[in-house]
Amino acid sequence: IPLSSGMILLTWQKIAPTALLYQISPSLNMEILIMLAILSTMLGGWGGLNQTHMRKVLAYSSIAHMGWTVIIAIINPDLTILSLMIYIMTTLTLFMTLNLSSTTKIKSISNLWNKSTPMTMIVFLTLLSLGGLPPLTGFMPKWLILQELIINNNPTMAIIMALSALLNLFFYMRIIYVSSLTMFPTNNSSKHHWFFTPTKTTNIIPTLTIISSMLLPLTPILIIIT
């Protein structure tokens, strides 16, 4: 499917079920949520390990992130909304950057260095934020969710969720390693490409990049609010 359709599937269509989950959170069963969260994070982590298409990687990443959104629905529903909002902002940034550069495979990202180095750095920053690497914004919901699980006497679940997050971070780091530290075979004898005037708008990408990578210092304010 086109990148724009994938962006809608992974962002807009999550709002309605998450809102429903937020509304019925007091009547949910914690054991079922724990089982669903573990299955989601493990399936999303293992499924994305051997993928070479960015759409498939982001699809499995979406499955893994829904596990983090679900597990905290009973304990702190506000964190469910916060986790979804940060995920949507980060995913929008990544999809808009990939769509602007017409990038769909890891091999294309490795060739993106020659076309636009800033866009490549945005892709790398967003991937690390999706993986929850501090000090980026994506670390905030994972940190708060693990803290709530420990406070509510679920240290085992906190350890399992933290270990499952390493799977996602691994295949994000694998994409960055393959794209930046290795070179794919190519028939192009010219290393640099001619720069043309861009025809697609890029005004919103810098704003989304800041939101998806630099909001961690606002965590104390969000703790007070939630």
C-alpha atoms as a PDB file:
ATOM      1  CA  ILE A   1       0.000   0.000   0.000  1.00  0.00           C
ATOM      2  CA  PRO A   2       1.139   3.623  -0.388  1.00  0.00           C
ATOM      3  CA  LEU A   3       2.947   5.240   2.528  1.00  0.00           C
ATOM      4  CA  SER A   4       0.082   7.692   3.047  1.00  0.00           C
ATOM      5  CA  SER A   5      -2.403   4.816   3.452  1.00  0.00           C
ATOM      6  CA  GLY A   6      -0.064   3.054   5.841  1.00  0.00           C
ATOM      7  CA  MET A   7       0.241   6.242   7.872  1.00  0.00           C
ATOM      8  CA  ILE A   8      -3.546   6.415   8.258  1.00  0.00           C
ATOM      9  CA  LEU A   9      -3.796   2.737   9.212  1.00  0.00           C
ATOM     10  CA  LEU A  10      -1.114   3.032  11.905  1.00  0.00           C
ATOM     11  CA  THR A  11      -2.244   6.359  13.403  1.00  0.00           C
ATOM     12  CA  TRP A  12      -5.800   7.517  12.740  1.00  0.00           C
ATOM     13  CA  GLN A  13      -7.419   4.091  13.079  1.00  0.00           C
ATOM     14  CA  LYS A  14      -5.925   3.596  16.548  1.00  0.00           C
ATOM     15  CA  ILE A  15      -7.779   6.564  18.004  1.00  0.00           C
ATOM     16  CA  ALA A  16     -11.263   5.010  18.125  1.00  0.00           C
ATOM     17  CA  PRO A  17     -10.302   1.675  19.817  1.00  0.00           C
ATOM     18  CA  THR A  18      -8.031   3.484  22.265  1.00  0.00           C
ATOM     19  CA  ALA A  19     -10.826   5.912  23.158  1.00  0.00           C
ATOM     20  CA  LEU A  20     -13.142   2.935  23.725  1.00  0.00           C
ATOM     21  CA  LEU A  21     -10.468   1.267  25.856  1.00  0.00           C
ATOM     22  CA  TYR A  22     -10.148   4.465  27.888  1.00  0.00           C
ATOM     23  CA  GLN A  23     -13.918   4.626  28.485  1.00  0.00           C
ATOM     24  CA  ILE A  24     -14.301   1.011  29.661  1.00  0.00           C
ATOM     25  CA  SER A  25     -10.979   0.810  31.534  1.00  0.00           C
ATOM     26  CA  PRO A  26     -12.577   0.404  35.030  1.00  0.00           C
ATOM     27  CA  SER A  27     -14.347  -2.791  33.922  1.00  0.00           C
ATOM     28  CA  LEU A  28     -11.387  -4.464  32.200  1.00  0.00           C
ATOM     29  CA  ASN A  29      -9.668  -7.632  33.416  1.00  0.00           C
ATOM     30  CA  MET A  30      -6.023  -7.084  34.360  1.00  0.00           C
ATOM     31  CA  GLU A  31      -4.978 -10.695  33.600  1.00  0.00           C
ATOM     32  CA  ILE A  32      -6.359 -10.478  30.052  1.00  0.00           C
ATOM     33  CA  LEU A  33      -4.630  -7.134  29.486  1.00  0.00           C
ATOM     34  CA  ILE A  34      -1.316  -8.549  30.715  1.00  0.00           C
ATOM     35  CA  MET A  35      -1.625 -11.511  28.339  1.00  0.00           C
ATOM     36  CA  LEU A  36      -2.509  -9.253  25.397  1.00  0.00           C
ATOM     37  CA  ALA A  37       0.338  -6.864  26.214  1.00  0.00           C
ATOM     38  CA  ILE A  38       2.940  -9.638  26.389  1.00  0.00           C
ATOM     39  CA  LEU A  39       1.725 -11.207  23.140  1.00  0.00           C
ATOM     40  CA  SER A  40       1.713  -7.827  21.374  1.00  0.00           C
ATOM     41  CA  THR A  41       5.182  -6.771  22.476  1.00  0.00           C
ATOM     42  CA  MET A  42       6.729 -10.170  21.766  1.00  0.00           C
ATOM     43  CA  LEU A  43       5.002 -10.597  18.383  1.00  0.00           C
ATOM     44  CA  GLY A  44       5.879  -7.055  17.338  1.00  0.00           C
ATOM     45  CA  GLY A  45       9.478  -7.483  18.460  1.00  0.00           C
ATOM     46  CA  TRP A  46      10.181 -10.865  16.895  1.00  0.00           C
ATOM     47  CA  GLY A  47       8.199 -10.160  13.722  1.00  0.00           C
ATOM     48  CA  GLY A  48      10.173  -7.055  12.848  1.00  0.00           C
ATOM     49  CA  LEU A  49      13.618  -8.595  13.164  1.00  0.00           C
ATOM     50  CA  ASN A  50      14.010  -9.950   9.608  1.00  0.00           C
ATOM     51  CA  GLN A  51      12.062  -7.302   7.684  1.00  0.00           C
ATOM     52  CA  THR A  52      13.631  -5.177   4.963  1.00  0.00           C
ATOM     53  CA  HIS A  53      10.596  -3.072   4.005  1.00  0.00           C
ATOM     54  CA  MET A  54       9.988  -0.042   6.191  1.00  0.00           C
ATOM     55  CA  ARG A  55       6.213  -0.482   6.011  1.00  0.00           C
ATOM     56  CA  LYS A  56       6.477  -3.972   7.489  1.00  0.00           C
ATOM     57  CA  VAL A  57       8.887  -2.776  10.162  1.00  0.00           C
ATOM     58  CA  LEU A  58       6.495  -0.005  11.172  1.00  0.00           C
ATOM     59  CA  ALA A  59       3.546  -2.422  11.133  1.00  0.00           C
ATOM     60  CA  TYR A  60       5.258  -4.739  13.620  1.00  0.00           C
ATOM     61  CA  SER A  61       6.359  -1.705  15.599  1.00  0.00           C
ATOM     62  CA  SER A  62       2.717  -0.649  15.819  1.00  0.00           C
ATOM     63  CA  ILE A  63       1.779  -4.062  17.238  1.00  0.00           C
ATOM     64  CA  ALA A  64       4.500  -3.789  19.881  1.00  0.00           C
ATOM     65  CA  HIS A  65       3.511  -0.252  20.882  1.00  0.00           C
ATOM     66  CA  MET A  66      -0.127  -1.262  21.343  1.00  0.00           C
ATOM     67  CA  GLY A  67       1.067  -3.691  24.021  1.00  0.00           C
ATOM     68  CA  TRP A  68       2.476  -0.739  25.996  1.00  0.00           C
ATOM     69  CA  THR A  69      -0.759   1.194  25.474  1.00  0.00           C
ATOM     70  CA  VAL A  70      -2.976  -1.680  26.626  1.00  0.00           C
ATOM     71  CA  ILE A  71      -1.137  -2.788  29.751  1.00  0.00           C
ATOM     72  CA  ILE A  72      -1.534   0.516  31.575  1.00  0.00           C
ATOM     73  CA  ALA A  73      -5.240   1.027  30.734  1.00  0.00           C
ATOM     74  CA  ILE A  74      -6.507  -0.061  34.160  1.00  0.00           C
ATOM     75  CA  ILE A  75      -3.721   1.331  36.342  1.00  0.00           C
ATOM     76  CA  ASN A  76      -3.515   4.787  34.751  1.00  0.00           C
ATOM     77  CA  PRO A  77      -5.773   5.437  31.717  1.00  0.00           C
ATOM     78  CA  ASP A  78      -4.221   8.880  31.192  1.00  0.00           C
ATOM     79  CA  LEU A  79      -0.907   7.206  30.374  1.00  0.00           C
ATOM     80  CA  THR A  80      -2.726   5.205  27.699  1.00  0.00           C
ATOM     81  CA  ILE A  81      -3.684   8.446  25.956  1.00  0.00           C
ATOM     82  CA  LEU A  82      -0.197   9.924  26.440  1.00  0.00           C
ATOM     83  CA  SER A  83       1.464   6.822  24.999  1.00  0.00           C
ATOM     84  CA  LEU A  84      -0.837   6.879  21.962  1.00  0.00           C
ATOM     85  CA  MET A  85      -0.279  10.600  21.335  1.00  0.00           C
ATOM     86  CA  ILE A  86       3.518  10.285  21.419  1.00  0.00           C
ATOM     87  CA  TYR A  87       3.370   7.203  19.198  1.00  0.00           C
ATOM     88  CA  ILE A  88       1.165   9.009  16.656  1.00  0.00           C
ATOM     89  CA  MET A  89       3.456  12.056  16.564  1.00  0.00           C
ATOM     90  CA  THR A  90       6.559   9.924  16.107  1.00  0.00           C
ATOM     91  CA  THR A  91       4.967   7.721  13.455  1.00  0.00           C
ATOM     92  CA  LEU A  92       3.662  10.747  11.556  1.00  0.00           C
ATOM     93  CA  THR A  93       7.169  12.217  11.509  1.00  0.00           C
ATOM     94  CA  LEU A  94       8.665   9.013  10.147  1.00  0.00           C
ATOM     95  CA  PHE A  95       5.984   8.401   7.521  1.00  0.00           C
ATOM     96  CA  MET A  96       6.034  11.982   6.258  1.00  0.00           C
ATOM     97  CA  THR A  97       9.827  11.896   5.945  1.00  0.00           C
ATOM     98  CA  LEU A  98       9.760   8.558   4.136  1.00  0.00           C
ATOM     99  CA  ASN A  99       6.988   9.779   1.843  1.00  0.00           C
ATOM    100  CA  LEU A 100       8.872  12.978   1.058  1.00  0.00           C
ATOM    101  CA  SER A 101      11.986  11.035   0.090  1.00  0.00           C
ATOM    102  CA  SER A 102      10.038   8.175  -1.591  1.00  0.00           C
ATOM    103  CA  THR A 103      11.803   5.675   0.660  1.00  0.00           C
ATOM    104  CA  THR A 104      10.256   2.252   1.264  1.00  0.00           C
ATOM    105  CA  LYS A 105      13.218  -0.068   1.918  1.00  0.00           C
ATOM    106  CA  ILE A 106      16.276  -0.080   4.153  1.00  0.00           C
ATOM    107  CA  LYS A 107      18.418  -0.008   1.006  1.00  0.00           C
ATOM    108  CA  SER A 108      16.720   3.255   0.011  1.00  0.00           C
ATOM    109  CA  ILE A 109      17.601   4.792   3.376  1.00  0.00           C
ATOM    110  CA  SER A 110      21.268   3.960   2.792  1.00  0.00           C
ATOM    111  CA  ASN A 111      21.073   5.842  -0.520  1.00  0.00           C
ATOM    112  CA  LEU A 112      19.260   8.766   1.113  1.00  0.00           C
ATOM    113  CA  TRP A 113      22.567  10.073   2.496  1.00  0.00           C
ATOM    114  CA  ASN A 114      23.461  11.273  -1.004  1.00  0.00           C
ATOM    115  CA  LYS A 115      20.154  13.077  -1.501  1.00  0.00           C
ATOM    116  CA  SER A 116      19.448  14.707   1.860  1.00  0.00           C
ATOM    117  CA  THR A 117      21.554  14.213   4.975  1.00  0.00           C
ATOM    118  CA  PRO A 118      19.123  16.145   7.271  1.00  0.00           C
ATOM    119  CA  MET A 119      16.257  13.870   6.253  1.00  0.00           C
ATOM    120  CA  THR A 120      18.381  10.828   6.986  1.00  0.00           C
ATOM    121  CA  MET A 121      19.171  12.172  10.456  1.00  0.00           C
ATOM    122  CA  ILE A 122      15.446  12.799  11.050  1.00  0.00           C
ATOM    123  CA  VAL A 123      14.699   9.176  10.137  1.00  0.00           C
ATOM    124  CA  PHE A 124      17.402   7.919  12.523  1.00  0.00           C
ATOM    125  CA  LEU A 125      16.260  10.171  15.395  1.00  0.00           C
ATOM    126  CA  THR A 126      12.650   9.111  14.935  1.00  0.00           C
ATOM    127  CA  LEU A 127      13.546   5.425  14.850  1.00  0.00           C
ATOM    128  CA  LEU A 128      15.518   5.749  18.097  1.00  0.00           C
ATOM    129  CA  SER A 129      12.612   7.621  19.662  1.00  0.00           C
ATOM    130  CA  LEU A 130      10.222   4.841  18.614  1.00  0.00           C
ATOM    131  CA  GLY A 131      12.580   2.380  20.265  1.00  0.00           C
ATOM    132  CA  GLY A 132      12.373   4.305  23.533  1.00  0.00           C
ATOM    133  CA  LEU A 133      16.025   5.286  23.745  1.00  0.00           C
ATOM    134  CA  PRO A 134      16.727   8.099  26.252  1.00  0.00           C
ATOM    135  CA  PRO A 135      16.930  11.071  26.125  1.00  0.00           C
ATOM    136  CA  LEU A 136      14.358  11.104  23.288  1.00  0.00           C
ATOM    137  CA  THR A 137      10.609  11.609  23.648  1.00  0.00           C
ATOM    138  CA  GLY A 138       9.787   7.938  23.048  1.00  0.00           C
ATOM    139  CA  PHE A 139      11.476   7.053  26.337  1.00  0.00           C
ATOM    140  CA  MET A 140       8.895   9.085  28.292  1.00  0.00           C
ATOM    141  CA  PRO A 141       5.806   6.786  28.042  1.00  0.00           C
ATOM    142  CA  LYS A 142       7.874   3.635  28.587  1.00  0.00           C
ATOM    143  CA  TRP A 143       9.510   5.161  31.643  1.00  0.00           C
ATOM    144  CA  LEU A 144       6.185   6.275  33.146  1.00  0.00           C
ATOM    145  CA  ILE A 145       4.485   2.944  32.381  1.00  0.00           C
ATOM    146  CA  LEU A 146       7.312   0.933  33.976  1.00  0.00           C
ATOM    147  CA  GLN A 147       7.193   3.231  36.993  1.00  0.00           C
ATOM    148  CA  GLU A 148       3.427   2.711  37.387  1.00  0.00           C
ATOM    149  CA  LEU A 149       3.791  -1.069  37.085  1.00  0.00           C
ATOM    150  CA  ILE A 150       6.430  -1.134  39.820  1.00  0.00           C
ATOM    151  CA  ILE A 151       4.388   1.148  42.101  1.00  0.00           C
ATOM    152  CA  ASN A 152       1.376  -1.180  41.696  1.00  0.00           C
ATOM    153  CA  ASN A 153       3.389  -4.279  42.681  1.00  0.00           C
ATOM    154  CA  ASN A 154       3.962  -5.633  39.168  1.00  0.00           C
ATOM    155  CA  PRO A 155       7.779  -5.708  38.990  1.00  0.00           C
ATOM    156  CA  THR A 156       7.776  -8.946  36.967  1.00  0.00           C
ATOM    157  CA  MET A 157       5.630  -7.383  34.256  1.00  0.00           C
ATOM    158  CA  ALA A 158       7.846  -4.302  34.275  1.00  0.00           C
ATOM    159  CA  ILE A 159      10.932  -6.480  33.660  1.00  0.00           C
ATOM    160  CA  ILE A 160       9.209  -8.438  30.861  1.00  0.00           C
ATOM    161  CA  MET A 161       8.023  -5.255  29.136  1.00  0.00           C
ATOM    162  CA  ALA A 162      11.459  -3.660  29.434  1.00  0.00           C
ATOM    163  CA  LEU A 163      13.147  -6.737  27.939  1.00  0.00           C
ATOM    164  CA  SER A 164      10.617  -6.886  25.106  1.00  0.00           C
ATOM    165  CA  ALA A 165      11.377  -3.249  24.288  1.00  0.00           C
ATOM    166  CA  LEU A 166      14.960  -4.316  23.582  1.00  0.00           C
ATOM    167  CA  LEU A 167      13.711  -6.348  20.614  1.00  0.00           C
ATOM    168  CA  ASN A 168      12.235  -3.247  19.017  1.00  0.00           C
ATOM    169  CA  LEU A 169      15.308  -1.186  19.795  1.00  0.00           C
ATOM    170  CA  PHE A 170      17.480  -3.915  18.256  1.00  0.00           C
ATOM    171  CA  PHE A 171      15.838  -3.876  14.830  1.00  0.00           C
ATOM    172  CA  TYR A 172      15.742  -0.067  14.850  1.00  0.00           C
ATOM    173  CA  MET A 173      19.465  -0.034  15.577  1.00  0.00           C
ATOM    174  CA  ARG A 174      19.923  -2.679  12.889  1.00  0.00           C
ATOM    175  CA  ILE A 175      18.267  -0.364  10.339  1.00  0.00           C
ATOM    176  CA  ILE A 176      20.532   2.504  11.397  1.00  0.00           C
ATOM    177  CA  TYR A 177      23.636   0.302  11.283  1.00  0.00           C
ATOM    178  CA  VAL A 178      22.850  -1.118   7.847  1.00  0.00           C
ATOM    179  CA  SER A 179      21.925   2.315   6.488  1.00  0.00           C
ATOM    180  CA  SER A 180      24.874   4.279   7.828  1.00  0.00           C
ATOM    181  CA  LEU A 181      27.794   1.913   8.429  1.00  0.00           C
ATOM    182  CA  THR A 182      27.436  -0.429   5.458  1.00  0.00           C
ATOM    183  CA  MET A 183      26.976   0.180   1.739  1.00  0.00           C
ATOM    184  CA  PHE A 184      24.554  -1.783  -0.419  1.00  0.00           C
ATOM    185  CA  PRO A 185      25.726  -2.866  -3.906  1.00  0.00           C
ATOM    186  CA  THR A 186      24.645  -0.260  -6.423  1.00  0.00           C
ATOM    187  CA  ASN A 187      25.031   0.329 -10.139  1.00  0.00           C
ATOM    188  CA  ASN A 188      25.204   4.095  -9.661  1.00  0.00           C
ATOM    189  CA  SER A 189      28.715   5.296 -10.484  1.00  0.00           C
ATOM    190  CA  SER A 190      28.023   8.782  -9.138  1.00  0.00           C
ATOM    191  CA  LYS A 191      28.022   9.194  -5.383  1.00  0.00           C
ATOM    192  CA  HIS A 192      26.277  12.561  -5.296  1.00  0.00           C
ATOM    193  CA  HIS A 193      22.931  13.465  -6.806  1.00  0.00           C
ATOM    194  CA  TRP A 194      21.833  16.718  -8.355  1.00  0.00           C
ATOM    195  CA  PHE A 195      19.652  18.765  -6.020  1.00  0.00           C
ATOM    196  CA  PHE A 196      16.299  19.873  -7.397  1.00  0.00           C
ATOM    197  CA  THR A 197      13.763  22.236  -5.880  1.00  0.00           C
ATOM    198  CA  PRO A 198      11.413  20.110  -3.713  1.00  0.00           C
ATOM    199  CA  THR A 199       7.799  20.012  -4.865  1.00  0.00           C
ATOM    200  CA  LYS A 200       6.349  18.538  -1.654  1.00  0.00           C
ATOM    201  CA  THR A 201       5.734  20.629   1.459  1.00  0.00           C
ATOM    202  CA  THR A 202       8.094  20.081   4.391  1.00  0.00           C
ATOM    203  CA  ASN A 203       6.880  22.755   6.804  1.00  0.00           C
ATOM    204  CA  ILE A 204       5.398  20.397   9.385  1.00  0.00           C
ATOM    205  CA  ILE A 205       8.289  17.903   9.490  1.00  0.00           C
ATOM    206  CA  PRO A 206      10.670  20.056  11.616  1.00  0.00           C
ATOM    207  CA  THR A 207       7.891  20.686  14.165  1.00  0.00           C
ATOM    208  CA  LEU A 208       7.007  17.001  14.376  1.00  0.00           C
ATOM    209  CA  THR A 209      10.693  16.119  14.689  1.00  0.00           C
ATOM    210  CA  ILE A 210      11.066  18.405  17.703  1.00  0.00           C
ATOM    211  CA  ILE A 211       7.933  16.944  19.315  1.00  0.00           C
ATOM    212  CA  SER A 212       8.984  13.351  18.693  1.00  0.00           C
ATOM    213  CA  SER A 213      12.541  13.736  19.983  1.00  0.00           C
ATOM    214  CA  MET A 214      12.892  16.595  22.489  1.00  0.00           C
ATOM    215  CA  LEU A 215       9.962  16.475  24.946  1.00  0.00           C
ATOM    216  CA  LEU A 216      11.578  14.322  27.630  1.00  0.00           C
ATOM    217  CA  PRO A 217      12.432  17.344  29.872  1.00  0.00           C
ATOM    218  CA  LEU A 218       8.667  18.007  30.159  1.00  0.00           C
ATOM    219  CA  THR A 219       8.143  14.671  31.951  1.00  0.00           C
ATOM    220  CA  PRO A 220       7.769  16.203  35.483  1.00  0.00           C
ATOM    221  CA  ILE A 221       4.931  18.407  34.223  1.00  0.00           C
ATOM    222  CA  LEU A 222       3.185  15.432  32.647  1.00  0.00           C
ATOM    223  CA  ILE A 223       3.580  13.418  35.878  1.00  0.00           C
ATOM    224  CA  ILE A 224       1.789  16.208  37.769  1.00  0.00           C
ATOM    225  CA  ILE A 225      -0.988  16.307  35.157  1.00  0.00           C
ATOM    226  CA  THR A 226      -1.522  12.544  35.053  1.00  0.00           C
END
